[in-house]
């Protein structure tokens, strides 16, 4: 079987500890098994983990099943890419060195199946003052260094609580028309500014695909909420939900 498809998945927020956490992990393993037979590339478009703080000698035990699944993709010859999101911006070298994932810090501008794609988590489109303040604090390297001095058991528990605050807006309630328009407008601007013909965002937890002037915009939705993902074949992108024919 020819493996030439490109898959996009985001916003699983593994480690959040929801009632369906085990099912969420198992379904992702099922998708990964499917991708092993079809994918050339897999793009994880941010926030796959709910809170990632990389200690020198400690990795969260509840992340092990997902990391094992990702390592299996890499060993099968699939190129796995990770686009950093607002919940996992502090990635160190672990995913690259221990798992074999290609980490893109910020946007990835790549050519896929003859199309120029601009892929980013999309949290930079969020204009709220609270979100920008929280992001500035979390991106402060000195504060992160101080945070790592806290015992991991305490630091991870506190970080998971804080990270959950920024997801309240993007839950099962859906995306407001204003925010939907904001993301489509941002995608349109990138199509013009970066000479690409495909923009991929995530972050909103709302799957969206629309043809715009000069190209297409795809939002990968949320693996956490709806098991959303997208697949690209022959240059055509299609939104999917796990359990549907793919």
C-alpha atoms as a PDB file:
ATOM      1  CA  UNK A   1       0.000   0.000   0.000  1.00  0.00           C
ATOM      2  CA  UNK A   2       1.307   3.425  -0.955  1.00  0.00           C
ATOM      3  CA  UNK A   3       1.824   5.716   2.019  1.00  0.00           C
ATOM      4  CA  UNK A   4       1.484   9.239   0.694  1.00  0.00           C
ATOM      5  CA  UNK A   5      -1.247  10.908   2.785  1.00  0.00           C
ATOM      6  CA  UNK A   6      -0.635  13.767   5.199  1.00  0.00           C
ATOM      7  CA  UNK A   7      -2.558  13.847   8.486  1.00  0.00           C
ATOM      8  CA  UNK A   8      -3.203  16.783  10.822  1.00  0.00           C
ATOM      9  CA  UNK A   9      -4.283  16.333  14.454  1.00  0.00           C
ATOM     10  CA  UNK A  10      -4.410  18.812  17.318  1.00  0.00           C
ATOM     11  CA  UNK A  11      -5.768  19.738  20.728  1.00  0.00           C
ATOM     12  CA  UNK A  12      -5.954  16.339  22.366  1.00  0.00           C
ATOM     13  CA  UNK A  13      -4.891  17.833  25.711  1.00  0.00           C
ATOM     14  CA  UNK A  14      -3.655  14.466  26.918  1.00  0.00           C
ATOM     15  CA  UNK A  15      -3.152  14.527  30.664  1.00  0.00           C
ATOM     16  CA  UNK A  16      -6.131  16.739  31.436  1.00  0.00           C
ATOM     17  CA  UNK A  17      -7.703  13.831  33.288  1.00  0.00           C
ATOM     18  CA  UNK A  18     -11.193  13.973  31.815  1.00  0.00           C
ATOM     19  CA  UNK A  19     -13.593  11.074  32.324  1.00  0.00           C
ATOM     20  CA  UNK A  20     -12.856   9.812  28.814  1.00  0.00           C
ATOM     21  CA  UNK A  21      -9.056  10.122  29.077  1.00  0.00           C
ATOM     22  CA  UNK A  22      -8.480   6.418  28.578  1.00  0.00           C
ATOM     23  CA  UNK A  23     -10.776   6.276  25.558  1.00  0.00           C
ATOM     24  CA  UNK A  24      -9.128   9.387  24.124  1.00  0.00           C
ATOM     25  CA  UNK A  25      -5.723   7.685  24.302  1.00  0.00           C
ATOM     26  CA  UNK A  26      -7.005   4.378  22.911  1.00  0.00           C
ATOM     27  CA  UNK A  27      -8.721   6.071  19.976  1.00  0.00           C
ATOM     28  CA  UNK A  28      -5.537   7.968  19.186  1.00  0.00           C
ATOM     29  CA  UNK A  29      -3.637   4.668  19.165  1.00  0.00           C
ATOM     30  CA  UNK A  30      -6.235   3.347  16.697  1.00  0.00           C
ATOM     31  CA  UNK A  31      -5.766   6.382  14.462  1.00  0.00           C
ATOM     32  CA  UNK A  32      -1.989   5.944  14.657  1.00  0.00           C
ATOM     33  CA  UNK A  33      -2.322   2.302  13.592  1.00  0.00           C
ATOM     34  CA  UNK A  34      -4.350   3.487  10.601  1.00  0.00           C
ATOM     35  CA  UNK A  35      -1.806   6.201   9.784  1.00  0.00           C
ATOM     36  CA  UNK A  36       1.063   3.710   9.822  1.00  0.00           C
ATOM     37  CA  UNK A  37      -0.412   2.165   6.689  1.00  0.00           C
ATOM     38  CA  UNK A  38      -1.317   5.401   4.891  1.00  0.00           C
ATOM     39  CA  UNK A  39       0.726   8.389   6.086  1.00  0.00           C
ATOM     40  CA  UNK A  40       3.934   9.883   4.786  1.00  0.00           C
ATOM     41  CA  UNK A  41       3.717  12.758   7.253  1.00  0.00           C
ATOM     42  CA  UNK A  42       1.742  13.489  10.398  1.00  0.00           C
ATOM     43  CA  UNK A  43       1.470  17.044  11.710  1.00  0.00           C
ATOM     44  CA  UNK A  44       0.518  17.431  15.362  1.00  0.00           C
ATOM     45  CA  UNK A  45      -0.715  21.022  15.328  1.00  0.00           C
ATOM     46  CA  UNK A  46      -0.164  21.860  18.985  1.00  0.00           C
ATOM     47  CA  UNK A  47      -1.705  21.219  22.393  1.00  0.00           C
ATOM     48  CA  UNK A  48      -1.574  17.466  22.085  1.00  0.00           C
ATOM     49  CA  UNK A  49      -0.486  17.526  25.717  1.00  0.00           C
ATOM     50  CA  UNK A  50      -2.415  19.627  28.199  1.00  0.00           C
ATOM     51  CA  UNK A  51       0.634  20.805  30.091  1.00  0.00           C
ATOM     52  CA  UNK A  52       4.206  20.118  29.070  1.00  0.00           C
ATOM     53  CA  UNK A  53       7.037  21.276  31.278  1.00  0.00           C
ATOM     54  CA  UNK A  54      10.271  19.497  30.453  1.00  0.00           C
ATOM     55  CA  UNK A  55      12.340  18.508  33.438  1.00  0.00           C
ATOM     56  CA  UNK A  56      15.858  17.168  32.985  1.00  0.00           C
ATOM     57  CA  UNK A  57      15.153  13.774  34.555  1.00  0.00           C
ATOM     58  CA  UNK A  58      11.364  13.417  34.773  1.00  0.00           C
ATOM     59  CA  UNK A  59       8.600  12.754  32.237  1.00  0.00           C
ATOM     60  CA  UNK A  60       4.938  12.476  33.229  1.00  0.00           C
ATOM     61  CA  UNK A  61       3.980   8.808  33.529  1.00  0.00           C
ATOM     62  CA  UNK A  62       0.482   9.440  32.121  1.00  0.00           C
ATOM     63  CA  UNK A  63       2.094  10.617  28.851  1.00  0.00           C
ATOM     64  CA  UNK A  64       3.908   7.330  28.295  1.00  0.00           C
ATOM     65  CA  UNK A  65       1.132   5.570  26.288  1.00  0.00           C
ATOM     66  CA  UNK A  66       0.918   8.486  23.846  1.00  0.00           C
ATOM     67  CA  UNK A  67       4.690   8.813  23.573  1.00  0.00           C
ATOM     68  CA  UNK A  68       4.893   5.068  22.886  1.00  0.00           C
ATOM     69  CA  UNK A  69       2.282   5.454  20.151  1.00  0.00           C
ATOM     70  CA  UNK A  70       4.180   8.338  18.562  1.00  0.00           C
ATOM     71  CA  UNK A  71       7.446   6.423  18.710  1.00  0.00           C
ATOM     72  CA  UNK A  72       5.728   3.557  16.904  1.00  0.00           C
ATOM     73  CA  UNK A  73       4.801   5.912  14.061  1.00  0.00           C
ATOM     74  CA  UNK A  74       8.379   7.114  13.777  1.00  0.00           C
ATOM     75  CA  UNK A  75       9.738   3.555  13.769  1.00  0.00           C
ATOM     76  CA  UNK A  76       7.273   2.693  10.996  1.00  0.00           C
ATOM     77  CA  UNK A  77       8.902   5.338   8.808  1.00  0.00           C
ATOM     78  CA  UNK A  78       6.278   8.073   9.210  1.00  0.00           C
ATOM     79  CA  UNK A  79       7.642  11.603   9.522  1.00  0.00           C
ATOM     80  CA  UNK A  80       5.984  13.033  12.636  1.00  0.00           C
ATOM     81  CA  UNK A  81       6.033  16.811  13.068  1.00  0.00           C
ATOM     82  CA  UNK A  82       5.081  18.766  16.168  1.00  0.00           C
ATOM     83  CA  UNK A  83       3.920  22.380  15.924  1.00  0.00           C
ATOM     84  CA  UNK A  84       4.190  23.996  19.353  1.00  0.00           C
ATOM     85  CA  UNK A  85       0.951  25.301  20.860  1.00  0.00           C
ATOM     86  CA  UNK A  86       0.138  27.472  23.846  1.00  0.00           C
ATOM     87  CA  UNK A  87      -0.027  24.458  26.184  1.00  0.00           C
ATOM     88  CA  UNK A  88       3.206  22.838  25.012  1.00  0.00           C
ATOM     89  CA  UNK A  89       5.339  25.783  23.931  1.00  0.00           C
ATOM     90  CA  UNK A  90       8.037  24.814  26.456  1.00  0.00           C
ATOM     91  CA  UNK A  91       9.106  21.693  24.619  1.00  0.00           C
ATOM     92  CA  UNK A  92      12.768  20.924  25.126  1.00  0.00           C
ATOM     93  CA  UNK A  93      14.728  18.272  23.282  1.00  0.00           C
ATOM     94  CA  UNK A  94      12.962  15.158  24.563  1.00  0.00           C
ATOM     95  CA  UNK A  95      10.520  14.669  21.680  1.00  0.00           C
ATOM     96  CA  UNK A  96      13.270  15.138  19.124  1.00  0.00           C
ATOM     97  CA  UNK A  97      16.001  13.112  20.788  1.00  0.00           C
ATOM     98  CA  UNK A  98      14.029  10.330  22.503  1.00  0.00           C
ATOM     99  CA  UNK A  99      10.966   9.963  20.273  1.00  0.00           C
ATOM    100  CA  UNK A 100      12.273  11.098  16.892  1.00  0.00           C
ATOM    101  CA  UNK A 101       9.693  13.813  16.257  1.00  0.00           C
ATOM    102  CA  UNK A 102      10.514  16.904  14.186  1.00  0.00           C
ATOM    103  CA  UNK A 103       9.609  19.920  16.330  1.00  0.00           C
ATOM    104  CA  UNK A 104       8.618  23.226  14.700  1.00  0.00           C
ATOM    105  CA  UNK A 105       8.686  26.092  17.178  1.00  0.00           C
ATOM    106  CA  UNK A 106       6.013  28.402  15.814  1.00  0.00           C
ATOM    107  CA  UNK A 107       4.824  28.126  12.226  1.00  0.00           C
ATOM    108  CA  UNK A 108       5.964  25.538   9.691  1.00  0.00           C
ATOM    109  CA  UNK A 109       6.082  26.710   6.080  1.00  0.00           C
ATOM    110  CA  UNK A 110       6.326  23.573   3.982  1.00  0.00           C
ATOM    111  CA  UNK A 111       5.443  22.161   0.580  1.00  0.00           C
ATOM    112  CA  UNK A 112       3.000  19.252   0.765  1.00  0.00           C
ATOM    113  CA  UNK A 113       1.818  17.388  -2.313  1.00  0.00           C
ATOM    114  CA  UNK A 114       2.727  20.344  -4.484  1.00  0.00           C
ATOM    115  CA  UNK A 115       0.973  22.872  -2.252  1.00  0.00           C
ATOM    116  CA  UNK A 116       2.629  25.584  -0.159  1.00  0.00           C
ATOM    117  CA  UNK A 117       1.265  25.235   3.339  1.00  0.00           C
ATOM    118  CA  UNK A 118       1.560  27.511   6.364  1.00  0.00           C
ATOM    119  CA  UNK A 119       0.833  25.508   9.515  1.00  0.00           C
ATOM    120  CA  UNK A 120       0.664  26.956  13.022  1.00  0.00           C
ATOM    121  CA  UNK A 121      -1.298  26.339  16.191  1.00  0.00           C
ATOM    122  CA  UNK A 122      -3.136  29.631  15.736  1.00  0.00           C
ATOM    123  CA  UNK A 123      -3.090  30.856  19.324  1.00  0.00           C
ATOM    124  CA  UNK A 124      -1.423  34.048  18.091  1.00  0.00           C
ATOM    125  CA  UNK A 125      -4.773  35.021  16.528  1.00  0.00           C
ATOM    126  CA  UNK A 126      -6.317  35.257  20.011  1.00  0.00           C
ATOM    127  CA  UNK A 127      -6.485  38.962  20.858  1.00  0.00           C
ATOM    128  CA  UNK A 128      -7.800  38.844  24.444  1.00  0.00           C
ATOM    129  CA  UNK A 129      -5.745  40.734  27.016  1.00  0.00           C
ATOM    130  CA  UNK A 130      -5.934  37.902  29.543  1.00  0.00           C
ATOM    131  CA  UNK A 131      -4.629  35.367  27.032  1.00  0.00           C
ATOM    132  CA  UNK A 132      -1.773  37.621  25.939  1.00  0.00           C
ATOM    133  CA  UNK A 133      -0.742  38.300  29.544  1.00  0.00           C
ATOM    134  CA  UNK A 134      -0.786  34.606  30.428  1.00  0.00           C
ATOM    135  CA  UNK A 135       1.199  33.771  27.297  1.00  0.00           C
ATOM    136  CA  UNK A 136       3.812  36.434  28.090  1.00  0.00           C
ATOM    137  CA  UNK A 137       4.276  35.043  31.608  1.00  0.00           C
ATOM    138  CA  UNK A 138       4.539  31.445  30.423  1.00  0.00           C
ATOM    139  CA  UNK A 139       7.067  32.350  27.729  1.00  0.00           C
ATOM    140  CA  UNK A 140       9.359  34.096  30.205  1.00  0.00           C
ATOM    141  CA  UNK A 141      12.486  31.926  30.336  1.00  0.00           C
ATOM    142  CA  UNK A 142      13.455  33.070  33.838  1.00  0.00           C
ATOM    143  CA  UNK A 143      10.041  32.242  35.248  1.00  0.00           C
ATOM    144  CA  UNK A 144      10.174  28.813  33.587  1.00  0.00           C
ATOM    145  CA  UNK A 145      13.593  28.158  35.101  1.00  0.00           C
ATOM    146  CA  UNK A 146      12.296  29.070  38.550  1.00  0.00           C
ATOM    147  CA  UNK A 147       9.214  26.903  38.036  1.00  0.00           C
ATOM    148  CA  UNK A 148      11.392  23.867  37.372  1.00  0.00           C
ATOM    149  CA  UNK A 149      12.837  24.193  40.857  1.00  0.00           C
ATOM    150  CA  UNK A 150       9.454  23.067  42.208  1.00  0.00           C
ATOM    151  CA  UNK A 151       9.088  19.324  42.713  1.00  0.00           C
ATOM    152  CA  UNK A 152       7.504  17.817  39.557  1.00  0.00           C
ATOM    153  CA  UNK A 153       4.558  16.354  41.494  1.00  0.00           C
ATOM    154  CA  UNK A 154       3.602  19.845  42.663  1.00  0.00           C
ATOM    155  CA  UNK A 155       4.615  21.709  39.515  1.00  0.00           C
ATOM    156  CA  UNK A 156       2.651  19.461  37.171  1.00  0.00           C
ATOM    157  CA  UNK A 157      -0.465  19.594  39.344  1.00  0.00           C
ATOM    158  CA  UNK A 158      -0.338  23.398  39.491  1.00  0.00           C
ATOM    159  CA  UNK A 159       0.448  23.737  35.793  1.00  0.00           C
ATOM    160  CA  UNK A 160      -2.437  21.493  34.772  1.00  0.00           C
ATOM    161  CA  UNK A 161      -4.831  23.623  36.819  1.00  0.00           C
ATOM    162  CA  UNK A 162      -3.562  26.848  35.233  1.00  0.00           C
ATOM    163  CA  UNK A 163      -3.599  25.454  31.691  1.00  0.00           C
ATOM    164  CA  UNK A 164      -7.230  24.392  32.111  1.00  0.00           C
ATOM    165  CA  UNK A 165      -8.234  28.030  32.599  1.00  0.00           C
ATOM    166  CA  UNK A 166      -7.450  28.947  28.998  1.00  0.00           C
ATOM    167  CA  UNK A 167      -9.651  26.181  27.563  1.00  0.00           C
ATOM    168  CA  UNK A 168     -12.931  27.300  29.114  1.00  0.00           C
ATOM    169  CA  UNK A 169     -13.774  29.441  26.118  1.00  0.00           C
ATOM    170  CA  UNK A 170     -13.113  26.621  23.643  1.00  0.00           C
ATOM    171  CA  UNK A 171     -15.164  23.772  25.044  1.00  0.00           C
ATOM    172  CA  UNK A 172     -18.266  22.048  23.741  1.00  0.00           C
ATOM    173  CA  UNK A 173     -20.010  25.429  23.558  1.00  0.00           C
ATOM    174  CA  UNK A 174     -18.637  26.017  20.072  1.00  0.00           C
ATOM    175  CA  UNK A 175     -16.944  29.026  18.526  1.00  0.00           C
ATOM    176  CA  UNK A 176     -18.628  32.401  18.360  1.00  0.00           C
ATOM    177  CA  UNK A 177     -19.327  33.884  14.904  1.00  0.00           C
ATOM    178  CA  UNK A 178     -16.939  36.726  15.775  1.00  0.00           C
ATOM    179  CA  UNK A 179     -14.061  34.351  16.547  1.00  0.00           C
ATOM    180  CA  UNK A 180     -14.841  32.174  13.544  1.00  0.00           C
ATOM    181  CA  UNK A 181     -14.590  35.250  11.315  1.00  0.00           C
ATOM    182  CA  UNK A 182     -11.374  36.358  13.053  1.00  0.00           C
ATOM    183  CA  UNK A 183      -9.665  33.059  12.289  1.00  0.00           C
ATOM    184  CA  UNK A 184     -10.832  33.011   8.693  1.00  0.00           C
ATOM    185  CA  UNK A 185      -9.616  36.582   8.232  1.00  0.00           C
ATOM    186  CA  UNK A 186      -6.251  35.673   9.752  1.00  0.00           C
ATOM    187  CA  UNK A 187      -5.987  32.736   7.359  1.00  0.00           C
ATOM    188  CA  UNK A 188      -6.839  35.009   4.429  1.00  0.00           C
ATOM    189  CA  UNK A 189      -4.098  37.419   5.491  1.00  0.00           C
ATOM    190  CA  UNK A 190      -1.538  34.608   5.606  1.00  0.00           C
ATOM    191  CA  UNK A 191      -2.506  33.396   2.171  1.00  0.00           C
ATOM    192  CA  UNK A 192      -1.641  36.842   0.873  1.00  0.00           C
ATOM    193  CA  UNK A 193       1.403  37.607   3.008  1.00  0.00           C
ATOM    194  CA  UNK A 194       3.242  34.297   2.827  1.00  0.00           C
ATOM    195  CA  UNK A 195       2.510  33.255  -0.737  1.00  0.00           C
ATOM    196  CA  UNK A 196       0.975  29.966   0.387  1.00  0.00           C
ATOM    197  CA  UNK A 197      -2.214  28.315  -0.809  1.00  0.00           C
ATOM    198  CA  UNK A 198      -3.092  26.358   2.332  1.00  0.00           C
ATOM    199  CA  UNK A 199      -3.327  27.645   5.903  1.00  0.00           C
ATOM    200  CA  UNK A 200      -3.775  25.200   8.790  1.00  0.00           C
ATOM    201  CA  UNK A 201      -4.695  26.430  12.267  1.00  0.00           C
ATOM    202  CA  UNK A 202      -5.905  24.679  15.427  1.00  0.00           C
ATOM    203  CA  UNK A 203      -6.461  26.085  18.956  1.00  0.00           C
ATOM    204  CA  UNK A 204     -10.182  26.944  18.659  1.00  0.00           C
ATOM    205  CA  UNK A 205     -11.431  23.354  19.137  1.00  0.00           C
ATOM    206  CA  UNK A 206     -13.781  24.095  16.219  1.00  0.00           C
ATOM    207  CA  UNK A 207     -13.171  22.193  12.976  1.00  0.00           C
ATOM    208  CA  UNK A 208     -13.481  24.400   9.923  1.00  0.00           C
ATOM    209  CA  UNK A 209     -12.666  24.216   6.238  1.00  0.00           C
ATOM    210  CA  UNK A 210     -13.343  26.972   3.734  1.00  0.00           C
ATOM    211  CA  UNK A 211     -12.121  28.068   0.315  1.00  0.00           C
ATOM    212  CA  UNK A 212     -10.725  31.592   0.455  1.00  0.00           C
ATOM    213  CA  UNK A 213      -9.262  33.984  -2.059  1.00  0.00           C
ATOM    214  CA  UNK A 214      -5.992  32.370  -3.117  1.00  0.00           C
ATOM    215  CA  UNK A 215      -6.311  29.078  -1.287  1.00  0.00           C
ATOM    216  CA  UNK A 216      -7.871  27.011   1.493  1.00  0.00           C
ATOM    217  CA  UNK A 217      -8.144  27.362   5.247  1.00  0.00           C
ATOM    218  CA  UNK A 218      -8.419  24.315   7.490  1.00  0.00           C
ATOM    219  CA  UNK A 219      -8.832  24.289  11.242  1.00  0.00           C
ATOM    220  CA  UNK A 220      -8.150  20.830  12.628  1.00  0.00           C
ATOM    221  CA  UNK A 221     -10.699  21.100  15.429  1.00  0.00           C
ATOM    222  CA  UNK A 222     -10.124  19.070  18.589  1.00  0.00           C
ATOM    223  CA  UNK A 223      -9.165  15.468  19.216  1.00  0.00           C
ATOM    224  CA  UNK A 224     -10.211  16.015  22.836  1.00  0.00           C
ATOM    225  CA  UNK A 225     -13.777  17.088  22.050  1.00  0.00           C
ATOM    226  CA  UNK A 226     -14.792  15.382  18.807  1.00  0.00           C
ATOM    227  CA  UNK A 227     -11.840  13.187  17.697  1.00  0.00           C
ATOM    228  CA  UNK A 228     -11.355  15.617  14.804  1.00  0.00           C
ATOM    229  CA  UNK A 229      -8.482  15.383  12.349  1.00  0.00           C
ATOM    230  CA  UNK A 230      -7.762  16.242   8.729  1.00  0.00           C
ATOM    231  CA  UNK A 231      -6.207  14.242   5.922  1.00  0.00           C
ATOM    232  CA  UNK A 232      -4.604  15.428   2.690  1.00  0.00           C
ATOM    233  CA  UNK A 233      -4.484  13.276  -0.425  1.00  0.00           C
ATOM    234  CA  UNK A 234      -3.548  14.445  -3.879  1.00  0.00           C
ATOM    235  CA  UNK A 235      -3.447  18.020  -2.613  1.00  0.00           C
ATOM    236  CA  UNK A 236      -7.041  17.893  -1.367  1.00  0.00           C
ATOM    237  CA  UNK A 237      -7.742  18.389   2.352  1.00  0.00           C
ATOM    238  CA  UNK A 238     -10.704  16.764   4.048  1.00  0.00           C
ATOM    239  CA  UNK A 239     -11.894  17.128   7.646  1.00  0.00           C
ATOM    240  CA  UNK A 240     -12.648  13.848   9.393  1.00  0.00           C
ATOM    241  CA  UNK A 241     -13.800  12.455  12.722  1.00  0.00           C
ATOM    242  CA  UNK A 242     -12.395   9.186  13.960  1.00  0.00           C
ATOM    243  CA  UNK A 243     -14.885   6.419  13.345  1.00  0.00           C
ATOM    244  CA  UNK A 244     -15.850   7.772   9.953  1.00  0.00           C
ATOM    245  CA  UNK A 245     -14.430   6.233   6.804  1.00  0.00           C
ATOM    246  CA  UNK A 246     -10.984   7.727   6.143  1.00  0.00           C
END
